[in-house]
Amino acid sequence: MTIVVKLFVLKGASKLDENGLVKVTPELLVEGLEHVYAIGDCCNTDQEKMAAHAQNQGESVCRNIALALAGSEKRPYKPSESTTYKSSACGDHR
């Protein structure tokens, strides 16, 4: 993350929010940069920082890159409501 932070600070106006997270648009583009996306723990989405969300964000970015290459309009990221999370206590193997 240090390299990312230095890059965004050196580019002029800070691309980081007050918590040090990368500011993104609804399409997960870094604010103020046309072709740079941010996903996962580094971006300031409202979701918890979990791998499943990062995967969904990555899929959305891939779709938007394909849409952009085809000359179509990018779509906003929509968190998956169907993602379920299963957890179990350590040692509980019933």
Protein backbone atom coordinates (compact mmCIF):
# COMPACT_ATOMS: atom_id res chain seq x y z
CA MET A 1 0.00 0.00 0.00
CA THR A 2 2.92 2.38 0.59
CA ILE A 3 3.75 2.47 -3.12
CA VAL A 4 0.11 3.16 -3.98
CA VAL A 5 -0.10 5.98 -1.45
CA LYS A 6 3.09 7.62 -2.74
CA LEU A 7 1.87 7.38 -6.33
CA PHE A 8 -1.46 9.03 -5.56
CA VAL A 9 0.11 11.79 -3.47
CA LEU A 10 2.77 12.53 -6.11
CA LYS A 11 0.13 12.79 -8.86
CA GLY A 12 -1.22 16.03 -7.37
CA ALA A 13 -4.41 16.17 -5.37
CA SER A 14 -4.64 13.32 -2.92
CA LYS A 15 -6.71 10.39 -4.13
CA LEU A 16 -7.04 9.18 -0.54
CA ASP A 17 -9.86 9.84 1.90
CA GLU A 18 -9.46 10.80 5.55
CA ASN A 19 -8.94 7.11 6.45
CA GLY A 20 -6.14 6.64 3.91
CA LEU A 21 -8.33 4.64 1.50
CA VAL A 22 -8.38 5.25 -2.25
CA LYS A 23 -11.40 7.32 -3.30
CA VAL A 24 -13.38 5.56 -6.02
CA THR A 25 -16.35 6.36 -8.23
CA PRO A 26 -19.43 4.11 -8.38
CA GLU A 27 -17.66 2.25 -11.24
CA LEU A 28 -14.63 1.67 -8.93
CA LEU A 29 -12.46 4.06 -10.93
CA VAL A 30 -9.99 6.05 -8.85
CA GLU A 31 -11.47 9.54 -8.58
CA GLY A 32 -9.93 11.86 -11.14
CA LEU A 33 -8.17 9.10 -13.11
CA GLU A 34 -9.79 7.84 -16.29
CA HIS A 35 -8.36 4.31 -16.62
CA VAL A 36 -7.28 3.37 -13.09
CA TYR A 37 -9.44 1.15 -10.89
CA ALA A 38 -9.17 0.22 -7.21
CA ILE A 39 -10.74 -2.81 -5.54
CA GLY A 40 -10.56 -4.63 -2.25
CA ASP A 41 -9.13 -3.38 1.01
CA CYS A 42 -7.51 -0.27 -0.49
CA CYS A 43 -10.68 1.43 -1.76
CA ASN A 44 -13.30 3.41 0.14
CA THR A 45 -16.42 1.40 -0.67
CA ASP A 46 -18.94 0.99 2.14
CA GLN A 47 -18.48 -2.78 2.28
CA GLU A 48 -16.56 -4.73 4.87
CA LYS A 49 -13.03 -5.56 3.78
CA MET A 50 -13.51 -9.22 2.80
CA ALA A 51 -12.07 -11.35 0.01
CA ALA A 52 -15.53 -12.20 -1.35
CA HIS A 53 -16.29 -8.50 -1.86
CA ALA A 54 -12.93 -7.94 -3.54
CA GLN A 55 -13.70 -10.81 -5.91
CA ASN A 56 -17.08 -9.29 -6.81
CA GLN A 57 -15.45 -5.90 -7.29
CA GLY A 58 -12.82 -7.46 -9.56
CA GLU A 59 -15.51 -9.08 -11.69
CA SER A 60 -17.28 -5.72 -11.99
CA VAL A 61 -14.04 -4.01 -13.05
CA CYS A 62 -13.40 -6.72 -15.66
CA ARG A 63 -16.89 -6.15 -17.09
CA ASN A 64 -16.29 -2.40 -17.18
CA ILE A 65 -12.97 -2.78 -18.96
CA ALA A 66 -14.65 -5.02 -21.57
CA LEU A 67 -17.48 -2.48 -21.94
CA ALA A 68 -14.99 0.38 -22.36
CA LEU A 69 -13.04 -1.56 -25.00
CA ALA A 70 -16.31 -2.16 -26.87
CA GLY A 71 -17.14 1.55 -26.71
CA SER A 72 -20.00 1.08 -24.26
CA GLU A 73 -20.75 2.94 -21.06
CA LYS A 74 -19.33 1.55 -17.82
CA ARG A 75 -21.76 0.32 -15.15
CA PRO A 76 -21.68 1.14 -11.45
CA TYR A 77 -20.55 -1.60 -9.08
CA LYS A 78 -23.45 -3.23 -7.26
CA PRO A 79 -22.59 -5.33 -4.21
CA SER A 80 -23.80 -8.89 -4.51
CA GLU A 81 -26.73 -9.61 -2.22
CA SER A 82 -26.46 -13.34 -2.86
CA THR A 83 -23.01 -13.71 -1.32
CA THR A 84 -23.26 -15.72 1.84
CA TYR A 85 -20.59 -16.21 4.44
CA LYS A 86 -20.23 -19.33 6.49
CA SER A 87 -18.14 -19.36 9.60
CA SER A 88 -17.50 -21.96 12.23
CA ALA A 89 -15.71 -21.91 15.53
CA CYS A 90 -12.25 -23.48 15.60
CA GLY A 91 -12.53 -27.12 16.52
CA ASP A 92 -16.24 -27.35 15.75
CA HIS A 93 -16.26 -30.02 13.01
CA ARG A 94 -19.75 -31.47 13.29
